[in-house]
Amino acid sequence: MSSTVYASFVNSILSTLYPILTIYSYYVLVGKYCIDAKRFDSVVVLIMFLIYHVLLIYTLIFYMRILAIDDTSTANRFPSKVANKQAITSRYFNPFIEEEIIQKRLKMLKTCNICVTYKPPRTHHCSICQKCFLRFDHHCGLLGVCIAFHNYKFFYLFVIMNIIYCLFLIILLMFELIKNRQLPTASFSHFIVLTSLLFVEMCVSLQMFIYHTILIRKNETMIENKALNAFLRGDQGVRFVYQEGPLVNEEEVLERDEMNPYNMGVYENWEQIFGKNTWEWFLPTFTTLGDGINFPKKIGRD
């Protein structure tokens, strides 16, 4: 329990970093760069001002979509095992037949003993949020929320927009530092500090972008990716990471990409997350295919 409380506390601290840095960047750019320096008489500055706000608003839209997690856990989506057992029982009269049907039905479904409800394939329990989420990818400490089926598209696009946002500000501030050597000491200090912080943020976002691009290309979650890598290193404990069956049967020798039953090819894997309409791929609308419970699989792994 103490470790869970500590993890929740650390998660709460980490999740405040992005809002604080965003507020600080707004203060420096709008307050110090534009207002204090009285630059609004310049057309170029006005254009930069507008571009900045477009990038900021679009990034924040994805940020808010990530945080919108109401009724997305399995506890909200499915009835509890106890409630479902009672629902099954009410349909039959013979108690022996009732019990046999209940046992057969419940045995086929994987459940979470903590959430007391069903765990469809690719669903996992988050020890920090204390909830199960469909197609669970990871708990993002920097955002303070679980990334799963309901918000993975928004998370990926948020990372992309955050890279563009940071890069735009870094170039703008660096250009000002190089061009204007007569900056007031206060403004100069803020520009240096913000540029350094944004560079770190951009590097973190860039690393996440590269990693999750690889995951989308292979149609893997972080949990599945780590399990496959561990299995190839000889860890047999992760052999049943997929509910559909073991990674490799005794008579099979498969390549890594063939071990994942959900790897349908790069383009189809991309469509699973972003949908089939290309004009919706980069919009803040939910276009992920499926229901988070059933996923298309390669022939031979059904």
C-alpha atoms as a PDB file:
ATOM      1  CA  MET A   1       0.000   0.000   0.000  1.00  0.00           C
ATOM      2  CA  SER A   2       2.789   2.423   0.895  1.00  0.00           C
ATOM      3  CA  SER A   3       4.475   1.904  -2.476  1.00  0.00           C
ATOM      4  CA  THR A   4       1.168   2.620  -4.237  1.00  0.00           C
ATOM      5  CA  VAL A   5       0.695   5.818  -2.232  1.00  0.00           C
ATOM      6  CA  TYR A   6       4.259   6.890  -3.015  1.00  0.00           C
ATOM      7  CA  ALA A   7       3.780   6.163  -6.724  1.00  0.00           C
ATOM      8  CA  SER A   8       0.555   8.177  -6.734  1.00  0.00           C
ATOM      9  CA  PHE A   9       2.311  11.069  -4.991  1.00  0.00           C
ATOM     10  CA  VAL A  10       5.182  11.076  -7.492  1.00  0.00           C
ATOM     11  CA  ASN A  11       2.675  10.811 -10.332  1.00  0.00           C
ATOM     12  CA  SER A  12       0.813  13.857  -9.001  1.00  0.00           C
ATOM     13  CA  ILE A  13       4.033  15.881  -8.911  1.00  0.00           C
ATOM     14  CA  LEU A  14       5.105  14.832 -12.415  1.00  0.00           C
ATOM     15  CA  SER A  15       1.699  15.593 -13.908  1.00  0.00           C
ATOM     16  CA  THR A  16       2.043  19.270 -12.918  1.00  0.00           C
ATOM     17  CA  LEU A  17       5.250  19.792 -14.930  1.00  0.00           C
ATOM     18  CA  TYR A  18       3.621  20.174 -18.340  1.00  0.00           C
ATOM     19  CA  PRO A  19       0.957  22.722 -17.247  1.00  0.00           C
ATOM     20  CA  ILE A  20       3.567  24.751 -15.337  1.00  0.00           C
ATOM     21  CA  LEU A  21       5.996  24.800 -18.269  1.00  0.00           C
ATOM     22  CA  THR A  22       3.200  25.738 -20.680  1.00  0.00           C
ATOM     23  CA  ILE A  23       2.111  28.642 -18.471  1.00  0.00           C
ATOM     24  CA  TYR A  24       5.718  29.775 -18.105  1.00  0.00           C
ATOM     25  CA  SER A  25       6.307  29.628 -21.867  1.00  0.00           C
ATOM     26  CA  TYR A  26       3.184  31.720 -22.421  1.00  0.00           C
ATOM     27  CA  TYR A  27       4.389  34.275 -19.883  1.00  0.00           C
ATOM     28  CA  VAL A  28       7.805  34.554 -21.539  1.00  0.00           C
ATOM     29  CA  LEU A  29       6.602  34.731 -25.140  1.00  0.00           C
ATOM     30  CA  VAL A  30       3.536  36.921 -24.706  1.00  0.00           C
ATOM     31  CA  GLY A  31       4.622  38.883 -21.651  1.00  0.00           C
ATOM     32  CA  LYS A  32       8.343  39.373 -22.202  1.00  0.00           C
ATOM     33  CA  TYR A  33       8.778  38.922 -25.947  1.00  0.00           C
ATOM     34  CA  CYS A  34       5.649  40.733 -27.178  1.00  0.00           C
ATOM     35  CA  ILE A  35       4.147  43.042 -24.547  1.00  0.00           C
ATOM     36  CA  ASP A  36       7.201  44.236 -22.599  1.00  0.00           C
ATOM     37  CA  ALA A  37       9.190  44.843 -25.773  1.00  0.00           C
ATOM     38  CA  LYS A  38       6.189  46.570 -27.436  1.00  0.00           C
ATOM     39  CA  ARG A  39       6.581  44.564 -30.641  1.00  0.00           C
ATOM     40  CA  PHE A  40       2.977  44.544 -31.844  1.00  0.00           C
ATOM     41  CA  ASP A  41       3.708  47.256 -34.396  1.00  0.00           C
ATOM     42  CA  SER A  42       5.672  44.647 -36.373  1.00  0.00           C
ATOM     43  CA  VAL A  43       3.779  42.504 -38.903  1.00  0.00           C
ATOM     44  CA  VAL A  44       6.270  39.662 -38.452  1.00  0.00           C
ATOM     45  CA  VAL A  45       5.726  39.629 -34.686  1.00  0.00           C
ATOM     46  CA  LEU A  46       1.943  39.610 -35.173  1.00  0.00           C
ATOM     47  CA  ILE A  47       2.260  36.615 -37.508  1.00  0.00           C
ATOM     48  CA  MET A  48       4.491  34.799 -35.008  1.00  0.00           C
ATOM     49  CA  PHE A  49       2.002  35.688 -32.262  1.00  0.00           C
ATOM     50  CA  LEU A  50      -0.863  34.132 -34.224  1.00  0.00           C
ATOM     51  CA  ILE A  51       1.122  31.031 -35.210  1.00  0.00           C
ATOM     52  CA  TYR A  52       2.105  30.523 -31.586  1.00  0.00           C
ATOM     53  CA  HIS A  53      -1.502  30.614 -30.407  1.00  0.00           C
ATOM     54  CA  VAL A  54      -2.648  28.231 -33.137  1.00  0.00           C
ATOM     55  CA  LEU A  55       0.044  25.723 -32.108  1.00  0.00           C
ATOM     56  CA  LEU A  56      -0.712  26.211 -28.419  1.00  0.00           C
ATOM     57  CA  ILE A  57      -4.474  25.791 -28.768  1.00  0.00           C
ATOM     58  CA  TYR A  58      -4.200  22.745 -31.040  1.00  0.00           C
ATOM     59  CA  THR A  59      -1.716  21.118 -28.649  1.00  0.00           C
ATOM     60  CA  LEU A  60      -3.932  21.841 -25.640  1.00  0.00           C
ATOM     61  CA  ILE A  61      -6.953  20.350 -27.415  1.00  0.00           C
ATOM     62  CA  PHE A  62      -5.132  17.024 -27.708  1.00  0.00           C
ATOM     63  CA  TYR A  63      -3.957  17.386 -24.107  1.00  0.00           C
ATOM     64  CA  MET A  64      -7.550  17.797 -22.910  1.00  0.00           C
ATOM     65  CA  ARG A  65      -8.715  14.865 -25.045  1.00  0.00           C
ATOM     66  CA  ILE A  66      -6.091  12.683 -23.379  1.00  0.00           C
ATOM     67  CA  LEU A  67      -7.377  13.623 -19.932  1.00  0.00           C
ATOM     68  CA  ALA A  68     -11.022  12.902 -20.793  1.00  0.00           C
ATOM     69  CA  ILE A  69     -11.167   9.396 -19.310  1.00  0.00           C
ATOM     70  CA  ASP A  70     -14.648   9.305 -17.745  1.00  0.00           C
ATOM     71  CA  ASP A  71     -16.371   5.916 -18.078  1.00  0.00           C
ATOM     72  CA  THR A  72     -13.485   4.392 -20.046  1.00  0.00           C
ATOM     73  CA  SER A  73     -12.319   1.742 -17.567  1.00  0.00           C
ATOM     74  CA  THR A  74     -13.620  -1.830 -17.640  1.00  0.00           C
ATOM     75  CA  ALA A  75     -15.436  -1.205 -14.348  1.00  0.00           C
ATOM     76  CA  ASN A  76     -17.603   1.330 -16.197  1.00  0.00           C
ATOM     77  CA  ARG A  77     -17.894  -0.690 -19.397  1.00  0.00           C
ATOM     78  CA  PHE A  78     -18.770  -4.136 -18.046  1.00  0.00           C
ATOM     79  CA  PRO A  79     -20.867  -5.527 -15.188  1.00  0.00           C
ATOM     80  CA  SER A  80     -19.108  -7.145 -12.265  1.00  0.00           C
ATOM     81  CA  LYS A  81     -18.663 -10.906 -12.186  1.00  0.00           C
ATOM     82  CA  VAL A  82     -21.146 -11.142  -9.317  1.00  0.00           C
ATOM     83  CA  ALA A  83     -23.800  -9.116 -11.152  1.00  0.00           C
ATOM     84  CA  ASN A  84     -23.346 -11.121 -14.329  1.00  0.00           C
ATOM     85  CA  LYS A  85     -23.575 -14.399 -12.439  1.00  0.00           C
ATOM     86  CA  GLN A  86     -26.880 -13.274 -10.959  1.00  0.00           C
ATOM     87  CA  ALA A  87     -28.128 -12.264 -14.415  1.00  0.00           C
ATOM     88  CA  ILE A  88     -27.306 -15.703 -15.792  1.00  0.00           C
ATOM     89  CA  THR A  89     -28.943 -17.449 -12.851  1.00  0.00           C
ATOM     90  CA  SER A  90     -32.222 -15.592 -13.254  1.00  0.00           C
ATOM     91  CA  ARG A  91     -32.810 -17.141 -16.692  1.00  0.00           C
ATOM     92  CA  TYR A  92     -32.845 -20.788 -15.633  1.00  0.00           C
ATOM     93  CA  PHE A  93     -34.725 -22.987 -13.225  1.00  0.00           C
ATOM     94  CA  ASN A  94     -32.588 -26.083 -12.748  1.00  0.00           C
ATOM     95  CA  PRO A  95     -29.780 -25.090 -10.317  1.00  0.00           C
ATOM     96  CA  PHE A  96     -27.440 -27.800 -11.624  1.00  0.00           C
ATOM     97  CA  ILE A  97     -27.789 -26.580 -15.206  1.00  0.00           C
ATOM     98  CA  GLU A  98     -27.388 -23.008 -13.970  1.00  0.00           C
ATOM     99  CA  GLU A  99     -24.090 -23.751 -12.236  1.00  0.00           C
ATOM    100  CA  GLU A 100     -22.681 -25.648 -15.214  1.00  0.00           C
ATOM    101  CA  ILE A 101     -23.511 -22.809 -17.611  1.00  0.00           C
ATOM    102  CA  ILE A 102     -22.073 -20.206 -15.253  1.00  0.00           C
ATOM    103  CA  GLN A 103     -18.819 -22.080 -14.766  1.00  0.00           C
ATOM    104  CA  LYS A 104     -18.342 -22.668 -18.500  1.00  0.00           C
ATOM    105  CA  ARG A 105     -19.069 -19.050 -19.349  1.00  0.00           C
ATOM    106  CA  LEU A 106     -16.896 -17.510 -16.644  1.00  0.00           C
ATOM    107  CA  LYS A 107     -14.032 -19.933 -17.259  1.00  0.00           C
ATOM    108  CA  MET A 108     -13.721 -18.705 -20.847  1.00  0.00           C
ATOM    109  CA  LEU A 109     -13.404 -15.071 -19.783  1.00  0.00           C
ATOM    110  CA  LYS A 110     -10.328 -13.626 -18.126  1.00  0.00           C
ATOM    111  CA  THR A 111     -11.151 -11.414 -15.171  1.00  0.00           C
ATOM    112  CA  CYS A 112      -9.452  -8.896 -12.882  1.00  0.00           C
ATOM    113  CA  ASN A 113      -9.685  -9.804  -9.216  1.00  0.00           C
ATOM    114  CA  ILE A 114      -9.163  -6.167  -8.183  1.00  0.00           C
ATOM    115  CA  CYS A 115     -11.743  -4.537 -10.466  1.00  0.00           C
ATOM    116  CA  VAL A 116     -13.996  -7.634 -10.175  1.00  0.00           C
ATOM    117  CA  THR A 117     -14.916  -7.502 -13.834  1.00  0.00           C
ATOM    118  CA  TYR A 118     -13.834  -8.900 -17.192  1.00  0.00           C
ATOM    119  CA  LYS A 119     -10.485  -8.326 -18.918  1.00  0.00           C
ATOM    120  CA  PRO A 120     -10.819  -8.582 -22.700  1.00  0.00           C
ATOM    121  CA  PRO A 121      -7.676  -9.250 -24.754  1.00  0.00           C
ATOM    122  CA  ARG A 122      -5.009  -6.515 -24.431  1.00  0.00           C
ATOM    123  CA  THR A 123      -6.669  -5.145 -21.290  1.00  0.00           C
ATOM    124  CA  HIS A 124      -4.429  -4.564 -18.265  1.00  0.00           C
ATOM    125  CA  HIS A 125      -4.739  -3.218 -14.739  1.00  0.00           C
ATOM    126  CA  CYS A 126      -2.982   0.036 -13.804  1.00  0.00           C
ATOM    127  CA  SER A 127      -1.532  -0.144 -10.298  1.00  0.00           C
ATOM    128  CA  ILE A 128      -1.543   3.668 -10.006  1.00  0.00           C
ATOM    129  CA  CYS A 129      -5.062   4.419 -11.260  1.00  0.00           C
ATOM    130  CA  GLN A 130      -6.351   1.132  -9.787  1.00  0.00           C
ATOM    131  CA  LYS A 131      -8.417   0.500 -12.911  1.00  0.00           C
ATOM    132  CA  CYS A 132      -8.311  -1.737 -15.967  1.00  0.00           C
ATOM    133  CA  PHE A 133      -8.311  -0.125 -19.409  1.00  0.00           C
ATOM    134  CA  LEU A 134      -8.966  -1.587 -22.859  1.00  0.00           C
ATOM    135  CA  ARG A 135      -5.864  -1.969 -25.033  1.00  0.00           C
ATOM    136  CA  PHE A 136      -3.777  -0.610 -22.197  1.00  0.00           C
ATOM    137  CA  ASP A 137      -0.478   0.894 -23.372  1.00  0.00           C
ATOM    138  CA  HIS A 138       1.086   2.553 -20.318  1.00  0.00           C
ATOM    139  CA  HIS A 139       0.511   4.957 -17.467  1.00  0.00           C
ATOM    140  CA  CYS A 140       2.011   8.307 -18.448  1.00  0.00           C
ATOM    141  CA  GLY A 141       3.427   9.890 -15.305  1.00  0.00           C
ATOM    142  CA  LEU A 142       4.121  13.204 -17.059  1.00  0.00           C
ATOM    143  CA  LEU A 143       0.436  13.554 -17.926  1.00  0.00           C
ATOM    144  CA  GLY A 144      -0.932  11.728 -14.884  1.00  0.00           C
ATOM    145  CA  VAL A 145      -3.244   9.487 -16.886  1.00  0.00           C
ATOM    146  CA  CYS A 146      -3.401   6.048 -18.468  1.00  0.00           C
ATOM    147  CA  ILE A 147      -2.852   5.813 -22.216  1.00  0.00           C
ATOM    148  CA  ALA A 148      -5.095   3.154 -23.700  1.00  0.00           C
ATOM    149  CA  PHE A 149      -7.666   2.437 -26.413  1.00  0.00           C
ATOM    150  CA  HIS A 150      -9.763   5.528 -25.674  1.00  0.00           C
ATOM    151  CA  ASN A 151      -6.973   8.131 -25.947  1.00  0.00           C
ATOM    152  CA  TYR A 152      -3.955   6.591 -27.692  1.00  0.00           C
ATOM    153  CA  LYS A 153      -4.553   8.531 -30.927  1.00  0.00           C
ATOM    154  CA  PHE A 154      -4.760  11.802 -28.980  1.00  0.00           C
ATOM    155  CA  PHE A 155      -1.598  10.955 -27.051  1.00  0.00           C
ATOM    156  CA  TYR A 156       0.390  10.324 -30.233  1.00  0.00           C
ATOM    157  CA  LEU A 157      -0.833  13.523 -31.907  1.00  0.00           C
ATOM    158  CA  PHE A 158      -0.195  15.478 -28.707  1.00  0.00           C
ATOM    159  CA  VAL A 159       3.423  14.307 -28.777  1.00  0.00           C
ATOM    160  CA  ILE A 160       3.767  15.434 -32.407  1.00  0.00           C
ATOM    161  CA  MET A 161       2.207  18.833 -31.710  1.00  0.00           C
ATOM    162  CA  ASN A 162       4.364  19.274 -28.623  1.00  0.00           C
ATOM    163  CA  ILE A 163       7.519  18.718 -30.697  1.00  0.00           C
ATOM    164  CA  ILE A 164       6.377  21.330 -33.232  1.00  0.00           C
ATOM    165  CA  TYR A 165       5.406  23.730 -30.426  1.00  0.00           C
ATOM    166  CA  CYS A 166       8.767  23.393 -28.666  1.00  0.00           C
ATOM    167  CA  LEU A 167      10.735  23.659 -31.911  1.00  0.00           C
ATOM    168  CA  PHE A 168       8.861  26.811 -32.923  1.00  0.00           C
ATOM    169  CA  LEU A 169       9.577  28.518 -29.597  1.00  0.00           C
ATOM    170  CA  ILE A 170      13.218  27.417 -29.513  1.00  0.00           C
ATOM    171  CA  ILE A 171      13.879  28.832 -33.004  1.00  0.00           C
ATOM    172  CA  LEU A 172      12.042  32.055 -32.178  1.00  0.00           C
ATOM    173  CA  LEU A 173      13.881  32.603 -28.892  1.00  0.00           C
ATOM    174  CA  MET A 174      17.284  31.617 -30.278  1.00  0.00           C
ATOM    175  CA  PHE A 175      16.839  34.002 -33.192  1.00  0.00           C
ATOM    176  CA  GLU A 176      16.002  36.807 -30.758  1.00  0.00           C
ATOM    177  CA  LEU A 177      18.995  36.015 -28.543  1.00  0.00           C
ATOM    178  CA  ILE A 178      21.352  36.093 -31.524  1.00  0.00           C
ATOM    179  CA  LYS A 179      19.823  39.137 -33.217  1.00  0.00           C
ATOM    180  CA  ASN A 180      19.213  41.373 -30.202  1.00  0.00           C
ATOM    181  CA  ARG A 181      22.251  41.644 -27.946  1.00  0.00           C
ATOM    182  CA  GLN A 182      20.741  44.584 -26.050  1.00  0.00           C
ATOM    183  CA  LEU A 183      18.040  42.572 -24.310  1.00  0.00           C
ATOM    184  CA  PRO A 184      17.221  43.542 -20.720  1.00  0.00           C
ATOM    185  CA  THR A 185      18.836  41.206 -18.212  1.00  0.00           C
ATOM    186  CA  ALA A 186      15.465  39.864 -16.996  1.00  0.00           C
ATOM    187  CA  SER A 187      14.259  39.037 -20.510  1.00  0.00           C
ATOM    188  CA  PHE A 188      17.617  37.512 -21.451  1.00  0.00           C
ATOM    189  CA  SER A 189      17.504  35.213 -18.398  1.00  0.00           C
ATOM    190  CA  HIS A 190      13.936  34.116 -19.120  1.00  0.00           C
ATOM    191  CA  PHE A 191      14.777  33.390 -22.765  1.00  0.00           C
ATOM    192  CA  ILE A 192      17.783  31.254 -21.796  1.00  0.00           C
ATOM    193  CA  VAL A 193      15.884  29.324 -19.106  1.00  0.00           C
ATOM    194  CA  LEU A 194      12.846  28.692 -21.307  1.00  0.00           C
ATOM    195  CA  THR A 195      14.961  27.639 -24.296  1.00  0.00           C
ATOM    196  CA  SER A 196      16.796  25.107 -22.128  1.00  0.00           C
ATOM    197  CA  LEU A 197      13.568  23.708 -20.658  1.00  0.00           C
ATOM    198  CA  LEU A 198      11.918  23.488 -24.060  1.00  0.00           C
ATOM    199  CA  PHE A 199      14.930  21.673 -25.484  1.00  0.00           C
ATOM    200  CA  VAL A 200      14.649  19.026 -22.752  1.00  0.00           C
ATOM    201  CA  GLU A 201      10.893  18.746 -23.304  1.00  0.00           C
ATOM    202  CA  MET A 202      11.377  18.410 -27.052  1.00  0.00           C
ATOM    203  CA  CYS A 203      13.992  15.670 -26.614  1.00  0.00           C
ATOM    204  CA  VAL A 204      11.648  13.710 -24.332  1.00  0.00           C
ATOM    205  CA  SER A 205       8.765  14.158 -26.781  1.00  0.00           C
ATOM    206  CA  LEU A 206      10.962  13.178 -29.724  1.00  0.00           C
ATOM    207  CA  GLN A 207      12.002   9.974 -27.983  1.00  0.00           C
ATOM    208  CA  MET A 208       8.351   9.151 -27.270  1.00  0.00           C
ATOM    209  CA  PHE A 209       7.409   9.936 -30.866  1.00  0.00           C
ATOM    210  CA  ILE A 210      10.026   7.565 -32.294  1.00  0.00           C
ATOM    211  CA  TYR A 211       9.146   4.759 -29.884  1.00  0.00           C
ATOM    212  CA  HIS A 212       5.379   4.985 -30.372  1.00  0.00           C
ATOM    213  CA  THR A 213       5.763   5.278 -34.136  1.00  0.00           C
ATOM    214  CA  ILE A 214       7.512   1.904 -34.004  1.00  0.00           C
ATOM    215  CA  LEU A 215       4.707   0.512 -31.823  1.00  0.00           C
ATOM    216  CA  ILE A 216       1.988   1.752 -34.191  1.00  0.00           C
ATOM    217  CA  ARG A 217       3.877   0.336 -37.157  1.00  0.00           C
ATOM    218  CA  LYS A 218       3.863  -3.095 -35.468  1.00  0.00           C
ATOM    219  CA  ASN A 219       0.445  -2.739 -33.787  1.00  0.00           C
ATOM    220  CA  GLU A 220       1.937  -3.364 -30.351  1.00  0.00           C
ATOM    221  CA  THR A 221       1.345  -1.801 -26.968  1.00  0.00           C
ATOM    222  CA  MET A 222       4.251  -0.986 -24.663  1.00  0.00           C
ATOM    223  CA  ILE A 223       3.392  -4.034 -22.544  1.00  0.00           C
ATOM    224  CA  GLU A 224       3.327  -6.324 -25.573  1.00  0.00           C
ATOM    225  CA  ASN A 225       6.526  -4.813 -26.959  1.00  0.00           C
ATOM    226  CA  LYS A 226       8.405  -5.344 -23.701  1.00  0.00           C
ATOM    227  CA  ALA A 227       7.011  -8.866 -23.365  1.00  0.00           C
ATOM    228  CA  LEU A 228       8.099  -9.828 -26.893  1.00  0.00           C
ATOM    229  CA  ASN A 229      11.582  -8.438 -26.299  1.00  0.00           C
ATOM    230  CA  ALA A 230      11.824 -10.270 -22.971  1.00  0.00           C
ATOM    231  CA  PHE A 231      10.639 -13.526 -24.572  1.00  0.00           C
ATOM    232  CA  LEU A 232      13.323 -13.289 -27.248  1.00  0.00           C
ATOM    233  CA  ARG A 233      15.867 -12.899 -24.442  1.00  0.00           C
ATOM    234  CA  GLY A 234      14.672 -16.205 -22.986  1.00  0.00           C
ATOM    235  CA  ASP A 235      12.056 -15.088 -20.447  1.00  0.00           C
ATOM    236  CA  GLN A 236       9.331 -17.753 -20.582  1.00  0.00           C
ATOM    237  CA  GLY A 237       7.246 -15.934 -17.973  1.00  0.00           C
ATOM    238  CA  VAL A 238       5.794 -13.600 -20.608  1.00  0.00           C
ATOM    239  CA  ARG A 239       4.832 -16.378 -23.016  1.00  0.00           C
ATOM    240  CA  PHE A 240       1.114 -15.832 -22.439  1.00  0.00           C
ATOM    241  CA  VAL A 241       1.041 -12.043 -22.853  1.00  0.00           C
ATOM    242  CA  TYR A 242      -1.659 -12.577 -25.496  1.00  0.00           C
ATOM    243  CA  GLN A 243      -4.938 -14.151 -24.380  1.00  0.00           C
ATOM    244  CA  GLU A 244      -5.209 -15.799 -27.794  1.00  0.00           C
ATOM    245  CA  GLY A 245      -2.452 -18.231 -26.880  1.00  0.00           C
ATOM    246  CA  PRO A 246       1.272 -18.607 -26.212  1.00  0.00           C
ATOM    247  CA  LEU A 247       3.780 -16.617 -28.228  1.00  0.00           C
ATOM    248  CA  VAL A 248       5.329 -19.746 -29.723  1.00  0.00           C
ATOM    249  CA  ASN A 249       4.147 -23.330 -29.649  1.00  0.00           C
ATOM    250  CA  GLU A 250       6.748 -26.024 -29.163  1.00  0.00           C
ATOM    251  CA  GLU A 251       6.682 -27.013 -32.837  1.00  0.00           C
ATOM    252  CA  GLU A 252       6.865 -23.438 -34.135  1.00  0.00           C
ATOM    253  CA  VAL A 253       9.828 -21.180 -34.781  1.00  0.00           C
ATOM    254  CA  LEU A 254       8.525 -17.712 -35.642  1.00  0.00           C
ATOM    255  CA  GLU A 255      10.089 -14.390 -36.478  1.00  0.00           C
ATOM    256  CA  ARG A 256       9.459 -11.566 -34.027  1.00  0.00           C
ATOM    257  CA  ASP A 257       6.861  -9.795 -36.182  1.00  0.00           C
ATOM    258  CA  GLU A 258       5.008 -13.077 -36.668  1.00  0.00           C
ATOM    259  CA  MET A 259       4.620 -13.576 -32.918  1.00  0.00           C
ATOM    260  CA  ASN A 260       2.197 -10.665 -32.673  1.00  0.00           C
ATOM    261  CA  PRO A 261      -1.255 -11.855 -33.813  1.00  0.00           C
ATOM    262  CA  TYR A 262      -2.403  -8.247 -34.323  1.00  0.00           C
ATOM    263  CA  ASN A 263       0.346  -7.224 -36.753  1.00  0.00           C
ATOM    264  CA  MET A 264      -1.661  -6.818 -39.964  1.00  0.00           C
ATOM    265  CA  GLY A 265       0.886  -4.782 -41.916  1.00  0.00           C
ATOM    266  CA  VAL A 266       2.058  -1.182 -41.558  1.00  0.00           C
ATOM    267  CA  TYR A 267      -0.866   0.552 -43.292  1.00  0.00           C
ATOM    268  CA  GLU A 268      -3.586  -1.547 -41.657  1.00  0.00           C
ATOM    269  CA  ASN A 269      -1.885  -1.155 -38.273  1.00  0.00           C
ATOM    270  CA  TRP A 270      -1.946   2.626 -38.746  1.00  0.00           C
ATOM    271  CA  GLU A 271      -5.647   2.494 -39.640  1.00  0.00           C
ATOM    272  CA  GLN A 272      -6.389   0.607 -36.430  1.00  0.00           C
ATOM    273  CA  ILE A 273      -5.371   3.719 -34.474  1.00  0.00           C
ATOM    274  CA  PHE A 274      -6.285   6.579 -36.826  1.00  0.00           C
ATOM    275  CA  GLY A 275      -9.172   5.191 -38.847  1.00  0.00           C
ATOM    276  CA  LYS A 276      -9.767   4.768 -42.563  1.00  0.00           C
ATOM    277  CA  ASN A 277     -10.500   8.402 -43.478  1.00  0.00           C
ATOM    278  CA  THR A 278      -7.180  10.141 -44.111  1.00  0.00           C
ATOM    279  CA  TRP A 279      -8.668  13.617 -43.595  1.00  0.00           C
ATOM    280  CA  GLU A 280      -9.534  12.642 -39.998  1.00  0.00           C
ATOM    281  CA  TRP A 281      -6.132  11.257 -39.064  1.00  0.00           C
ATOM    282  CA  PHE A 282      -4.849  14.497 -37.551  1.00  0.00           C
ATOM    283  CA  LEU A 283      -8.120  15.856 -36.199  1.00  0.00           C
ATOM    284  CA  PRO A 284      -8.948  15.756 -32.457  1.00  0.00           C
ATOM    285  CA  THR A 285     -11.784  13.309 -33.101  1.00  0.00           C
ATOM    286  CA  PHE A 286     -11.961   9.677 -32.015  1.00  0.00           C
ATOM    287  CA  THR A 287     -11.442   7.597 -35.158  1.00  0.00           C
ATOM    288  CA  THR A 288      -9.784   4.472 -33.728  1.00  0.00           C
ATOM    289  CA  LEU A 289     -11.312   1.353 -35.269  1.00  0.00           C
ATOM    290  CA  GLY A 290     -13.171  -1.273 -33.266  1.00  0.00           C
ATOM    291  CA  ASP A 291     -14.542  -1.377 -29.755  1.00  0.00           C
ATOM    292  CA  GLY A 292     -11.349  -2.092 -27.804  1.00  0.00           C
ATOM    293  CA  ILE A 293     -12.549  -5.635 -27.100  1.00  0.00           C
ATOM    294  CA  ASN A 294     -12.217  -7.458 -30.408  1.00  0.00           C
ATOM    295  CA  PHE A 295      -9.232  -6.919 -32.686  1.00  0.00           C
ATOM    296  CA  PRO A 296      -8.554  -8.232 -36.206  1.00  0.00           C
ATOM    297  CA  LYS A 297      -5.843 -10.869 -36.255  1.00  0.00           C
ATOM    298  CA  LYS A 298      -3.623 -12.508 -38.810  1.00  0.00           C
ATOM    299  CA  ILE A 299      -4.832 -15.737 -40.354  1.00  0.00           C
ATOM    300  CA  GLY A 300      -3.634 -18.710 -38.357  1.00  0.00           C
ATOM    301  CA  ARG A 301      -3.651 -16.928 -34.996  1.00  0.00           C
ATOM    302  CA  ASP A 302      -7.418 -16.777 -34.420  1.00  0.00           C
END
